[in-house]
Amino acid sequence: MFPLSVCIIARNEEAHIEECLKRLAPYGFEVVLTDTGSTDRTIEIAEKYTDRIFHFDWCDDFSAARNFCLEKASHDWILSLDCDEYIEKLDLSALGQCMEQRPDCTGRILIRSRFLRNGQTAFEQTRVSRLANRRYFHFTGAIHEQLERRDNRAKTVYDAPVTILHVGYDETVADMQEKCRRNIALLVAQLDQEGPDPYLYFQLGQCFRRLGETEKALESFDAGLSMEIDPSLDYVKTMVESYGYTLLDLKRNQEALGLSELYDMFATRADFVFLMGLICMNNGLFDDAVNQFKKATTMEEFSVDGVNSYMADYNIGVIYECTGHPEKARTYYKKCESYLPAEERLKALT
């Protein structure tokens, strides 16, 4: 058996757990499941794949549940997953080398989150620290828990050879809203207990955005960005971008232009450059917008699917169409291939 335990916490996950465990089965990992109070078939399904199933009394603390699960593992090396996260790619040989060469570092796995946009499937990707040796690391934080060193020293991270498909955004609107409101309550409680923290404000803002409570989202992002932050961190990049989108949602287009002051710091991935294109577009700066969208299509690093390809080309097409250049618009719409909004514009132009 490979010397790694996959630790999963679950509650009423009968819709996801079978696919999660089925994709893990070929690798021969020990699977440790901690159930926090399921009333559906979660445990019954899990028993087909593992006998390492334990119960944890839920106490509104995800880290407590995850750390309990870590303690029940037979191996020190832990890969932590959720039931709605399915293995897409995993290089066992490369993973073994990482474990051997970086025993006191955390591995960031690539998580691709699936969602619907304009009636089509799209993806957002981010790297999250989920692989670690429990001798050196444990989880902290009641909500949106993170791996931290037990000795409180700064952690060193690397990109682990693991890619995960996250399907949690497939849930119904009602389920999503319920989860967001639960998370908001836990985040507010943690902020009250521990004091201001930019990561918690970021997560709070994301929850408010999903609920459509835009003003509250902006307040949360403002609070997080007013603190000392590291612009190299993925969540900080996303917080800046979410802040910009929230300003656009509120029609505060002129204010959003202020993000140009952060350009040199955050234009390292296509998402921010694409956002600046939208901001210019909403302020009537069409030449600047086209330049930003074109630049985005040349960039390799991105988070949200399409910002460095079909979505950027589509917006260039929209600008050319609206400024009286239908042939140029057609050229860029055709670059978008099967992107439905572009196909609709092409039909309208013909």
Protein backbone atom coordinates (compact mmCIF):
# COMPACT_ATOMS: atom_id res chain seq x y z
CA MET A 1 0.00 0.00 0.00
CA PHE A 2 1.23 3.50 -0.88
CA PRO A 3 2.19 5.22 2.44
CA LEU A 4 -0.48 7.89 2.22
CA SER A 5 -3.93 8.21 3.79
CA VAL A 6 -6.73 10.11 2.09
CA CYS A 7 -8.77 11.82 4.81
CA ILE A 8 -12.34 12.88 4.05
CA ILE A 9 -15.02 14.44 6.23
CA ALA A 10 -18.63 13.92 5.22
CA ARG A 11 -22.21 14.68 6.08
CA ASN A 12 -25.14 13.68 3.87
CA GLU A 13 -22.97 13.27 0.77
CA GLU A 14 -24.70 10.32 -0.90
CA ALA A 15 -24.82 12.28 -4.17
CA HIS A 16 -21.03 12.57 -4.36
CA ILE A 17 -19.22 10.07 -2.18
CA GLU A 18 -19.42 7.06 -4.48
CA GLU A 19 -17.75 8.86 -7.38
CA CYS A 20 -15.14 10.31 -5.03
CA LEU A 21 -14.20 6.91 -3.60
CA LYS A 22 -14.48 5.08 -6.92
CA ARG A 23 -11.86 7.38 -8.46
CA LEU A 24 -9.55 6.87 -5.49
CA ALA A 25 -9.81 3.07 -5.52
CA PRO A 26 -7.24 2.32 -8.28
CA TYR A 27 -4.44 4.02 -6.35
CA GLY A 28 -4.59 1.74 -3.31
CA PHE A 29 -4.56 4.56 -0.75
CA GLU A 30 -5.95 4.07 2.72
CA VAL A 31 -9.21 6.03 2.86
CA VAL A 32 -10.27 7.42 6.25
CA LEU A 33 -13.80 8.82 6.40
CA THR A 34 -15.04 10.92 9.29
CA ASP A 35 -18.80 11.34 9.30
CA THR A 36 -20.25 14.31 11.17
CA GLY A 37 -23.87 13.18 11.34
CA SER A 38 -25.18 11.81 8.05
CA THR A 39 -28.82 10.78 7.88
CA ASP A 40 -28.71 9.54 4.27
CA ARG A 41 -26.82 6.63 2.63
CA THR A 42 -23.35 8.21 2.94
CA ILE A 43 -21.94 5.63 5.36
CA GLU A 44 -23.62 2.70 3.58
CA ILE A 45 -21.97 3.72 0.30
CA ALA A 46 -18.59 4.40 1.92
CA GLU A 47 -18.51 0.94 3.49
CA LYS A 48 -18.15 -0.55 0.00
CA TYR A 49 -14.76 1.17 -0.32
CA THR A 50 -13.27 1.43 3.18
CA ASP A 51 -13.65 0.07 6.68
CA ARG A 52 -11.92 3.11 8.18
CA ILE A 53 -15.10 5.02 9.06
CA PHE A 54 -15.40 7.11 12.21
CA HIS A 55 -17.99 9.42 13.78
CA PHE A 56 -17.30 12.96 14.95
CA ASP A 57 -19.82 15.09 16.83
CA TRP A 58 -20.15 18.27 14.79
CA CYS A 59 -19.10 21.40 16.71
CA ASP A 60 -19.15 24.12 14.00
CA ASP A 61 -15.40 23.68 13.47
CA PHE A 62 -14.11 22.16 10.24
CA SER A 63 -10.51 22.08 11.48
CA ALA A 64 -11.52 20.05 14.53
CA ALA A 65 -13.21 17.50 12.25
CA ARG A 66 -10.28 17.34 9.85
CA ASN A 67 -7.72 17.00 12.64
CA PHE A 68 -9.77 14.19 14.18
CA CYS A 69 -9.69 12.46 10.79
CA LEU A 70 -5.90 12.95 10.56
CA GLU A 71 -5.47 11.26 13.93
CA LYS A 72 -7.34 8.17 12.74
CA ALA A 73 -5.06 7.65 9.73
CA SER A 74 -2.50 4.84 9.69
CA HIS A 75 0.06 6.93 7.78
CA ASP A 76 1.67 10.29 8.55
CA TRP A 77 1.29 11.51 4.99
CA ILE A 78 -2.21 12.89 4.44
CA LEU A 79 -4.15 14.03 1.39
CA SER A 80 -7.32 15.83 2.52
CA LEU A 81 -10.33 15.84 0.20
CA ASP A 82 -14.03 16.65 0.27
CA CYS A 83 -16.69 14.28 -1.02
CA ASP A 84 -17.46 16.54 -3.98
CA GLU A 85 -13.82 16.44 -5.12
CA TYR A 86 -12.87 13.75 -7.63
CA ILE A 87 -9.37 12.70 -8.72
CA GLU A 88 -8.69 13.71 -12.33
CA LYS A 89 -4.91 13.23 -12.52
CA LEU A 90 -2.39 11.85 -10.05
CA ASP A 91 1.23 10.90 -10.76
CA LEU A 92 2.16 8.30 -8.13
CA SER A 93 5.86 8.33 -8.96
CA ALA A 94 6.11 12.12 -8.80
CA LEU A 95 4.01 12.15 -5.63
CA GLY A 96 6.40 9.70 -3.97
CA GLN A 97 9.34 11.92 -4.89
CA CYS A 98 7.62 14.96 -3.36
CA MET A 99 7.01 13.10 -0.13
CA GLU A 100 10.61 11.91 0.00
CA GLN A 101 12.25 15.22 -0.89
CA ARG A 102 9.93 17.68 0.90
CA PRO A 103 8.83 16.02 4.14
CA ASP A 104 8.18 19.27 6.04
CA CYS A 105 6.49 21.23 3.21
CA THR A 106 2.87 21.35 2.08
CA GLY A 107 1.77 20.29 -1.37
CA ARG A 108 -0.73 22.44 -3.24
CA ILE A 109 -3.09 20.35 -5.33
CA LEU A 110 -4.82 21.84 -8.39
CA ILE A 111 -8.59 22.07 -7.92
CA ARG A 112 -10.73 22.66 -11.01
CA SER A 113 -14.20 23.85 -9.99
CA ARG A 114 -16.96 23.20 -12.50
CA PHE A 115 -19.76 25.74 -12.92
CA LEU A 116 -22.33 26.94 -15.45
CA ARG A 117 -21.86 30.23 -17.32
CA ASN A 118 -24.27 31.36 -20.03
CA GLY A 119 -25.70 27.85 -20.12
CA GLN A 120 -22.32 26.24 -20.76
CA THR A 121 -19.90 24.35 -18.54
CA ALA A 122 -16.82 26.32 -17.51
CA PHE A 123 -14.06 25.86 -14.97
CA GLU A 124 -12.17 27.88 -12.39
CA GLN A 125 -8.87 26.56 -11.11
CA THR A 126 -6.86 27.27 -8.00
CA ARG A 127 -4.13 25.59 -5.97
CA VAL A 128 -4.84 24.70 -2.35
CA SER A 129 -2.54 23.17 0.29
CA ARG A 130 -3.98 19.72 0.98
CA LEU A 131 -0.98 17.34 1.04
CA ALA A 132 1.16 17.27 4.20
CA ASN A 133 2.86 15.17 6.83
CA ARG A 134 0.80 15.30 10.03
CA ARG A 135 3.95 15.27 12.16
CA TYR A 136 4.58 18.83 10.99
CA PHE A 137 1.12 20.14 10.06
CA HIS A 138 -2.45 20.37 11.26
CA PHE A 139 -5.55 22.31 10.26
CA THR A 140 -6.49 25.66 11.76
CA GLY A 141 -9.60 27.80 11.40
CA ALA A 142 -13.21 26.91 12.09
CA ILE A 143 -14.19 27.57 8.46
CA HIS A 144 -12.17 27.47 5.21
CA GLU A 145 -9.53 25.69 7.25
CA GLN A 146 -5.87 25.83 6.27
CA LEU A 147 -2.85 23.62 6.88
CA GLU A 148 -0.38 25.32 9.22
CA ARG A 149 2.83 24.16 10.88
CA ARG A 150 2.47 22.81 14.39
CA ASP A 151 5.52 24.84 15.48
CA ASN A 152 3.98 28.06 14.05
CA ARG A 153 6.90 28.61 11.69
CA ALA A 154 6.25 29.88 8.16
CA LYS A 155 5.32 27.05 5.85
CA THR A 156 6.94 26.26 2.52
CA VAL A 157 4.66 25.14 -0.31
CA TYR A 158 5.11 23.41 -3.66
CA ASP A 159 2.82 22.27 -6.47
CA ALA A 160 1.86 18.64 -5.94
CA PRO A 161 1.17 16.35 -8.96
CA VAL A 162 -2.54 16.01 -8.15
CA THR A 163 -5.49 17.47 -10.08
CA ILE A 164 -9.01 17.41 -8.63
CA LEU A 165 -12.40 18.05 -10.20
CA HIS A 166 -14.65 19.94 -7.78
CA VAL A 167 -18.38 19.55 -8.54
CA GLY A 168 -19.79 21.36 -5.51
CA TYR A 169 -21.11 24.23 -7.59
CA ASP A 170 -23.52 21.81 -9.28
CA GLU A 171 -25.78 22.09 -6.23
CA THR A 172 -29.17 23.81 -6.32
CA VAL A 173 -29.51 27.52 -5.64
CA ALA A 174 -31.27 26.79 -2.35
CA ASP A 175 -28.47 24.45 -1.20
CA MET A 176 -25.83 26.99 -2.22
CA GLN A 177 -27.59 29.78 -0.33
CA GLU A 178 -27.95 27.62 2.77
CA LYS A 179 -24.25 26.71 2.69
CA CYS A 180 -23.25 30.37 2.20
CA ARG A 181 -25.34 31.53 5.16
CA ARG A 182 -23.88 28.78 7.34
CA ASN A 183 -20.37 29.79 6.29
CA ILE A 184 -21.07 33.47 6.94
CA ALA A 185 -22.13 32.70 10.50
CA LEU A 186 -18.95 30.67 11.09
CA LEU A 187 -16.72 33.31 9.49
CA VAL A 188 -18.25 36.14 11.53
CA ALA A 189 -17.85 34.09 14.71
CA GLN A 190 -14.19 33.41 13.90
CA LEU A 191 -13.56 37.10 13.16
CA ASP A 192 -15.19 38.06 16.46
CA GLN A 193 -13.05 35.54 18.30
CA GLU A 194 -9.70 36.00 16.56
CA GLY A 195 -9.87 39.54 15.21
CA PRO A 196 -9.43 40.91 11.66
CA ASP A 197 -7.90 38.55 9.12
CA PRO A 198 -7.66 39.24 5.34
CA TYR A 199 -8.32 35.60 4.36
CA LEU A 200 -11.50 35.47 6.44
CA TYR A 201 -12.68 38.79 4.96
CA PHE A 202 -11.99 37.37 1.48
CA GLN A 203 -14.09 34.28 2.15
CA LEU A 204 -16.84 36.41 3.71
CA GLY A 205 -16.93 38.62 0.62
CA GLN A 206 -17.13 35.59 -1.67
CA CYS A 207 -20.12 34.28 0.29
CA PHE A 208 -21.93 37.60 0.09
CA ARG A 209 -21.24 37.78 -3.67
CA ARG A 210 -22.80 34.35 -4.22
CA LEU A 211 -25.86 35.49 -2.28
CA GLY A 212 -26.12 38.67 -4.36
CA GLU A 213 -25.52 40.87 -1.31
CA THR A 214 -23.15 43.08 -3.23
CA GLU A 215 -22.69 45.97 -0.80
CA LYS A 216 -21.78 43.58 2.00
CA ALA A 217 -19.37 41.81 -0.33
CA LEU A 218 -17.66 45.11 -1.12
CA GLU A 219 -17.35 45.95 2.57
CA SER A 220 -15.72 42.59 3.23
CA PHE A 221 -13.23 42.91 0.37
CA ASP A 222 -12.46 46.49 1.45
CA ALA A 223 -11.69 45.26 4.94
CA GLY A 224 -9.41 42.51 3.67
CA LEU A 225 -7.54 44.72 1.21
CA SER A 226 -6.97 47.41 3.83
CA MET A 227 -4.78 44.98 5.79
CA GLU A 228 -1.22 43.89 5.15
CA ILE A 229 -1.42 41.26 2.39
CA ASP A 230 0.95 39.27 0.21
CA PRO A 231 0.15 39.94 -3.48
CA SER A 232 1.77 36.64 -4.51
CA LEU A 233 -0.92 34.57 -2.76
CA ASP A 234 -3.68 33.17 -4.97
CA TYR A 235 -6.48 34.22 -2.62
CA VAL A 236 -5.17 37.80 -2.57
CA LYS A 237 -5.17 37.90 -6.39
CA THR A 238 -8.72 36.58 -6.42
CA MET A 239 -9.81 39.06 -3.73
CA VAL A 240 -8.53 41.99 -5.80
CA GLU A 241 -10.32 40.66 -8.88
CA SER A 242 -13.54 39.99 -6.94
CA TYR A 243 -13.34 43.54 -5.56
CA GLY A 244 -13.16 44.87 -9.12
CA TYR A 245 -16.11 42.77 -10.31
CA THR A 246 -18.13 43.89 -7.30
CA LEU A 247 -17.49 47.55 -8.17
CA LEU A 248 -18.70 46.84 -11.72
CA ASP A 249 -21.79 45.07 -10.35
CA LEU A 250 -22.54 48.23 -8.38
CA LYS A 251 -21.99 50.42 -11.49
CA ARG A 252 -19.09 52.15 -9.75
CA ASN A 253 -17.15 52.05 -13.00
CA GLN A 254 -15.04 55.16 -12.45
CA GLU A 255 -13.98 53.90 -9.03
CA ALA A 256 -13.03 50.55 -10.54
CA LEU A 257 -10.51 52.35 -12.77
CA GLY A 258 -8.52 52.94 -9.61
CA LEU A 259 -7.37 49.32 -9.83
CA SER A 260 -5.02 50.45 -12.60
CA GLU A 261 -2.76 51.64 -9.77
CA LEU A 262 -2.25 47.98 -8.86
CA TYR A 263 -1.56 46.90 -12.44
CA ASP A 264 2.15 46.20 -12.13
CA MET A 265 1.53 44.16 -8.98
CA PHE A 266 -1.40 42.01 -10.14
CA ALA A 267 -1.21 41.81 -13.94
CA THR A 268 0.74 38.58 -13.58
CA ARG A 269 -2.17 36.39 -14.63
CA ALA A 270 -4.80 36.80 -17.31
CA ASP A 271 -7.70 37.20 -14.87
CA PHE A 272 -6.62 40.66 -13.69
CA VAL A 273 -5.76 41.84 -17.23
CA PHE A 274 -9.16 40.60 -18.46
CA LEU A 275 -10.84 42.45 -15.56
CA MET A 276 -9.03 45.66 -16.53
CA GLY A 277 -10.36 45.17 -20.05
CA LEU A 278 -13.91 44.99 -18.68
CA ILE A 279 -13.31 48.06 -16.51
CA CYS A 280 -12.02 50.05 -19.50
CA MET A 281 -14.94 48.80 -21.59
CA ASN A 282 -17.45 49.93 -18.96
CA ASN A 283 -15.83 53.36 -18.88
CA GLY A 284 -15.98 53.79 -22.67
CA LEU A 285 -12.21 53.41 -23.10
CA PHE A 286 -12.62 51.00 -25.97
CA ASP A 287 -9.09 51.13 -27.43
CA ASP A 288 -7.62 50.47 -23.99
CA ALA A 289 -10.12 47.66 -23.45
CA VAL A 290 -9.19 45.94 -26.71
CA ASN A 291 -5.51 46.18 -25.82
CA GLN A 292 -6.12 44.58 -22.43
CA PHE A 293 -8.21 41.75 -23.87
CA LYS A 294 -5.58 41.08 -26.54
CA LYS A 295 -2.87 40.99 -23.89
CA ALA A 296 -4.94 38.53 -21.83
CA THR A 297 -5.01 36.08 -24.76
CA THR A 298 -1.20 35.96 -24.73
CA MET A 299 -0.94 34.95 -21.06
CA GLU A 300 -0.59 31.39 -19.81
CA GLU A 301 -1.38 31.83 -16.12
CA PHE A 302 -5.11 32.06 -15.34
CA SER A 303 -7.75 31.01 -12.86
CA VAL A 304 -11.13 31.31 -14.60
CA ASP A 305 -11.62 29.41 -17.84
CA GLY A 306 -11.84 31.67 -20.91
CA VAL A 307 -10.24 34.88 -19.62
CA ASN A 308 -7.18 34.25 -21.78
CA SER A 309 -9.10 32.88 -24.77
CA TYR A 310 -12.72 32.87 -25.90
CA MET A 311 -14.13 35.36 -23.35
CA ALA A 312 -11.46 37.94 -24.20
CA ASP A 313 -12.01 37.43 -27.94
CA TYR A 314 -15.77 37.71 -27.45
CA ASN A 315 -15.47 41.07 -25.72
CA ILE A 316 -13.20 42.37 -28.46
CA GLY A 317 -15.88 41.32 -30.92
CA VAL A 318 -18.56 43.15 -28.91
CA ILE A 319 -16.47 46.34 -28.92
CA TYR A 320 -15.88 46.17 -32.68
CA GLU A 321 -19.56 45.47 -33.35
CA CYS A 322 -20.71 48.35 -31.15
CA THR A 323 -18.23 50.77 -32.73
CA GLY A 324 -19.30 50.00 -36.28
CA HIS A 325 -16.73 47.42 -37.42
CA PRO A 326 -18.83 44.30 -38.16
CA GLU A 327 -16.12 42.48 -40.15
CA LYS A 328 -13.61 42.79 -37.33
CA ALA A 329 -16.34 41.70 -34.91
CA ARG A 330 -17.00 38.56 -36.98
CA THR A 331 -13.28 37.73 -36.98
CA TYR A 332 -13.13 37.73 -33.20
CA TYR A 333 -16.47 36.00 -32.68
CA LYS A 334 -15.22 33.17 -34.92
CA LYS A 335 -12.19 32.75 -32.66
CA CYS A 336 -14.55 31.87 -29.81
CA GLU A 337 -15.48 28.55 -31.43
CA SER A 338 -18.42 27.02 -29.49
CA TYR A 339 -18.98 29.89 -27.02
CA LEU A 340 -22.76 30.40 -27.25
CA PRO A 341 -22.88 34.22 -26.89
CA ALA A 342 -20.39 34.52 -29.78
CA GLU A 343 -22.40 32.10 -31.92
CA GLU A 344 -25.51 34.19 -31.29
CA ARG A 345 -23.77 37.40 -32.34
CA LEU A 346 -22.46 35.74 -35.51
CA LYS A 347 -26.01 34.70 -36.43
CA ALA A 348 -27.23 38.25 -35.80
CA LEU A 349 -24.49 39.73 -37.99
CA THR A 350 -25.26 37.39 -40.91
